[in-house]
């Protein structure tokens, strides 16, 4: 089996910072990776077809590409279908596609955005921001990190501001770095994060 290398395509700097801290905890020494961010979701989706066409031309056997976007307020189904179509058109197999052989591209969605993954490992948030209420995830509306209504990053910012952090607005990349340093991938309760984690680990079997 060829050595596995992941290229993680993400939409913004905060997700890049988070994955640079967390991906090594998932992969250990079993694979290498790099992260490429495209400033925003629209830009990532715009360039993804061309990027995948390039991978189809030159990708070595061990390369796995994971495109990761926030759901935001979009329905998951159409968004996932759009991304799967990009891969299918250039002949790259996905975990859920019908092409034969090992998958080359996995399309994954953070529901509804990166900050939901923080709510899924609140111990990491408390380690990074000690004044935060450790019982926050027990509050109504925050118990299921993938089902927080009204904007996950807004809810996260509100909690941190209540504890005296980021009075002028959430510094997303800084928060990603701080929380990522304490984040435990196996402990996170976010289902969308665990799907992402399982995708990486599954490619190593």
Protein backbone atom coordinates (compact mmCIF):
# COMPACT_ATOMS: atom_id res chain seq x y z
CA UNK A 1 0.00 0.00 0.00
CA UNK A 2 1.33 3.43 -0.93
CA UNK A 3 2.10 5.91 1.84
CA UNK A 4 -0.96 8.05 2.47
CA UNK A 5 -0.85 11.82 2.14
CA UNK A 6 -3.88 14.00 2.69
CA UNK A 7 -4.56 17.34 1.08
CA UNK A 8 -7.24 19.10 3.11
CA UNK A 9 -9.07 21.84 1.22
CA UNK A 10 -10.86 24.28 3.52
CA UNK A 11 -12.66 27.56 3.17
CA UNK A 12 -11.03 29.87 5.69
CA UNK A 13 -7.94 30.53 7.85
CA UNK A 14 -9.56 29.46 11.13
CA UNK A 15 -10.25 25.94 9.84
CA UNK A 16 -6.71 25.75 8.51
CA UNK A 17 -5.31 26.74 11.90
CA UNK A 18 -7.57 24.24 13.67
CA UNK A 19 -6.64 21.33 11.40
CA UNK A 20 -2.93 22.05 11.59
CA UNK A 21 -3.28 21.53 15.35
CA UNK A 22 -5.75 18.63 15.28
CA UNK A 23 -4.91 16.52 12.21
CA UNK A 24 -1.62 15.27 13.74
CA UNK A 25 -3.63 14.01 16.72
CA UNK A 26 -5.81 11.98 14.37
CA UNK A 27 -3.12 10.72 12.01
CA UNK A 28 -0.13 10.33 14.29
CA UNK A 29 2.79 9.10 12.21
CA UNK A 30 0.60 7.03 9.88
CA UNK A 31 0.17 9.71 7.20
CA UNK A 32 1.29 13.17 6.16
CA UNK A 33 -0.95 16.09 5.33
CA UNK A 34 -1.18 19.68 4.24
CA UNK A 35 -4.00 22.21 4.47
CA UNK A 36 -5.00 24.68 1.77
CA UNK A 37 -7.50 27.44 2.50
CA UNK A 38 -9.36 29.55 -0.05
CA UNK A 39 -10.54 32.52 2.05
CA UNK A 40 -14.24 31.72 1.76
CA UNK A 41 -16.71 28.98 0.91
CA UNK A 42 -17.75 30.50 -2.41
CA UNK A 43 -14.14 30.64 -3.59
CA UNK A 44 -13.44 27.04 -2.58
CA UNK A 45 -16.51 25.80 -4.45
CA UNK A 46 -15.53 27.93 -7.45
CA UNK A 47 -12.03 26.49 -7.78
CA UNK A 48 -12.82 22.93 -6.67
CA UNK A 49 -13.71 21.56 -10.13
CA UNK A 50 -10.41 22.80 -11.61
CA UNK A 51 -8.47 21.59 -8.63
CA UNK A 52 -9.98 18.12 -8.88
CA UNK A 53 -9.25 17.99 -12.61
CA UNK A 54 -5.63 18.68 -11.74
CA UNK A 55 -5.56 15.86 -9.20
CA UNK A 56 -7.02 13.51 -11.78
CA UNK A 57 -4.03 14.26 -14.01
CA UNK A 58 -1.14 13.90 -11.59
CA UNK A 59 -2.20 12.54 -8.19
CA UNK A 60 0.05 9.72 -6.89
CA UNK A 61 -1.57 6.50 -5.61
CA UNK A 62 -1.40 7.41 -1.93
CA UNK A 63 -2.95 10.87 -2.21
CA UNK A 64 -6.34 11.50 -0.62
CA UNK A 65 -8.14 14.82 -1.01
CA UNK A 66 -10.67 15.96 1.58
CA UNK A 67 -12.77 19.03 0.72
CA UNK A 68 -14.33 20.44 3.87
CA UNK A 69 -16.91 23.23 3.93
CA UNK A 70 -19.29 24.69 6.50
CA UNK A 71 -22.93 23.93 6.02
CA UNK A 72 -23.84 27.40 7.30
CA UNK A 73 -27.58 27.73 6.68
CA UNK A 74 -27.70 25.57 3.54
CA UNK A 75 -29.37 22.16 3.36
CA UNK A 76 -26.70 19.46 3.45
CA UNK A 77 -28.13 17.39 0.62
CA UNK A 78 -27.77 19.85 -2.29
CA UNK A 79 -24.38 21.05 -1.05
CA UNK A 80 -23.00 17.53 -0.79
CA UNK A 81 -24.50 16.61 -4.17
CA UNK A 82 -22.81 19.60 -5.81
CA UNK A 83 -19.41 18.60 -4.42
CA UNK A 84 -19.88 14.93 -5.33
CA UNK A 85 -20.74 15.96 -8.89
CA UNK A 86 -17.45 17.84 -9.21
CA UNK A 87 -15.55 14.65 -8.38
CA UNK A 88 -17.67 12.39 -10.55
CA UNK A 89 -17.26 14.59 -13.61
CA UNK A 90 -13.47 14.17 -13.54
CA UNK A 91 -13.62 10.48 -12.69
CA UNK A 92 -12.39 10.59 -9.08
CA UNK A 93 -13.91 8.07 -6.69
CA UNK A 94 -15.53 9.25 -3.45
CA UNK A 95 -16.53 7.18 -0.39
CA UNK A 96 -20.20 7.52 -1.31
CA UNK A 97 -19.78 7.34 -5.09
CA UNK A 98 -20.18 4.40 -7.42
CA UNK A 99 -16.79 4.44 -9.07
CA UNK A 100 -14.67 1.42 -8.26
CA UNK A 101 -11.44 1.38 -6.27
CA UNK A 102 -10.16 3.37 -3.32
CA UNK A 103 -11.63 6.82 -2.88
CA UNK A 104 -9.55 9.78 -3.97
CA UNK A 105 -11.82 12.62 -2.87
CA UNK A 106 -14.00 12.86 0.22
CA UNK A 107 -16.44 15.73 0.56
CA UNK A 108 -17.25 16.60 4.15
CA UNK A 109 -19.42 19.24 5.80
CA UNK A 110 -19.02 20.88 9.21
CA UNK A 111 -22.50 21.29 10.66
CA UNK A 112 -23.07 24.06 10.78
CA UNK A 113 -19.54 25.43 11.06
CA UNK A 114 -16.23 24.97 12.84
CA UNK A 115 -17.45 26.42 16.13
CA UNK A 116 -19.89 23.51 16.48
CA UNK A 117 -16.86 21.26 16.83
CA UNK A 118 -15.69 23.40 19.75
CA UNK A 119 -19.01 22.88 21.50
CA UNK A 120 -18.46 19.16 20.94
CA UNK A 121 -15.26 19.21 23.03
CA UNK A 122 -16.02 21.80 25.66
CA UNK A 123 -13.16 20.58 27.85
CA UNK A 124 -10.78 21.89 25.20
CA UNK A 125 -12.55 25.27 25.23
CA UNK A 126 -12.30 25.43 29.02
CA UNK A 127 -8.60 24.60 28.88
CA UNK A 128 -8.03 27.37 26.33
CA UNK A 129 -10.32 29.87 28.07
CA UNK A 130 -10.42 29.06 31.81
CA UNK A 131 -13.10 31.63 32.72
CA UNK A 132 -15.70 29.99 30.48
CA UNK A 133 -18.56 28.20 32.25
CA UNK A 134 -17.81 24.44 32.07
CA UNK A 135 -21.55 23.66 32.17
CA UNK A 136 -22.31 25.59 28.98
CA UNK A 137 -23.07 22.46 26.85
CA UNK A 138 -25.75 21.44 29.36
CA UNK A 139 -27.80 24.53 28.54
CA UNK A 140 -30.91 24.16 26.43
CA UNK A 141 -30.13 24.75 22.78
CA UNK A 142 -26.44 23.89 23.18
CA UNK A 143 -26.63 20.20 24.12
CA UNK A 144 -26.32 18.96 20.54
CA UNK A 145 -23.40 20.81 19.00
CA UNK A 146 -24.58 20.08 15.46
CA UNK A 147 -28.09 21.43 16.10
CA UNK A 148 -27.40 24.87 17.58
CA UNK A 149 -29.78 27.40 16.08
CA UNK A 150 -29.12 31.00 15.15
CA UNK A 151 -25.49 30.68 14.12
CA UNK A 152 -22.91 28.54 15.88
CA UNK A 153 -20.08 31.04 15.80
CA UNK A 154 -22.41 33.73 17.11
CA UNK A 155 -23.39 31.45 20.01
CA UNK A 156 -19.75 30.66 20.68
CA UNK A 157 -18.74 34.31 20.60
CA UNK A 158 -21.54 35.17 23.03
CA UNK A 159 -20.37 32.54 25.52
CA UNK A 160 -16.78 33.75 25.37
CA UNK A 161 -17.75 37.38 25.66
CA UNK A 162 -19.84 36.61 28.73
CA UNK A 163 -16.66 35.18 30.27
CA UNK A 164 -14.75 38.34 29.41
CA UNK A 165 -13.01 37.27 26.20
CA UNK A 166 -13.09 38.99 22.79
CA UNK A 167 -15.17 41.99 23.77
CA UNK A 168 -14.41 43.49 20.37
CA UNK A 169 -15.46 40.37 18.45
CA UNK A 170 -14.32 36.77 18.17
CA UNK A 171 -10.80 36.36 16.77
CA UNK A 172 -11.55 33.15 14.89
CA UNK A 173 -8.05 32.10 13.89
CA UNK A 174 -6.61 32.76 17.34
CA UNK A 175 -9.44 30.76 18.92
CA UNK A 176 -8.83 27.90 16.49
CA UNK A 177 -5.16 27.76 17.43
CA UNK A 178 -5.82 27.92 21.16
CA UNK A 179 -8.62 25.37 21.19
CA UNK A 180 -6.92 23.10 18.67
CA UNK A 181 -3.98 22.74 21.02
CA UNK A 182 -6.25 21.17 23.67
CA UNK A 183 -8.75 19.43 21.38
CA UNK A 184 -9.19 15.67 21.76
CA UNK A 185 -10.53 14.15 18.50
CA UNK A 186 -11.84 11.04 20.22
CA UNK A 187 -13.70 13.09 22.85
CA UNK A 188 -15.55 15.46 20.53
CA UNK A 189 -19.30 14.82 20.52
CA UNK A 190 -20.01 16.55 17.21
CA UNK A 191 -21.26 13.96 14.75
CA UNK A 192 -20.01 15.93 11.76
CA UNK A 193 -16.53 16.06 13.29
CA UNK A 194 -16.57 12.32 13.94
CA UNK A 195 -17.55 11.70 10.30
CA UNK A 196 -14.56 13.79 9.25
CA UNK A 197 -12.27 11.96 11.67
CA UNK A 198 -13.53 8.55 10.54
CA UNK A 199 -12.89 9.51 6.93
CA UNK A 200 -9.23 10.13 7.64
CA UNK A 201 -8.79 7.04 9.76
CA UNK A 202 -10.65 4.88 7.24
CA UNK A 203 -8.13 5.74 4.54
CA UNK A 204 -5.37 4.32 6.71
CA UNK A 205 -6.89 0.84 7.14
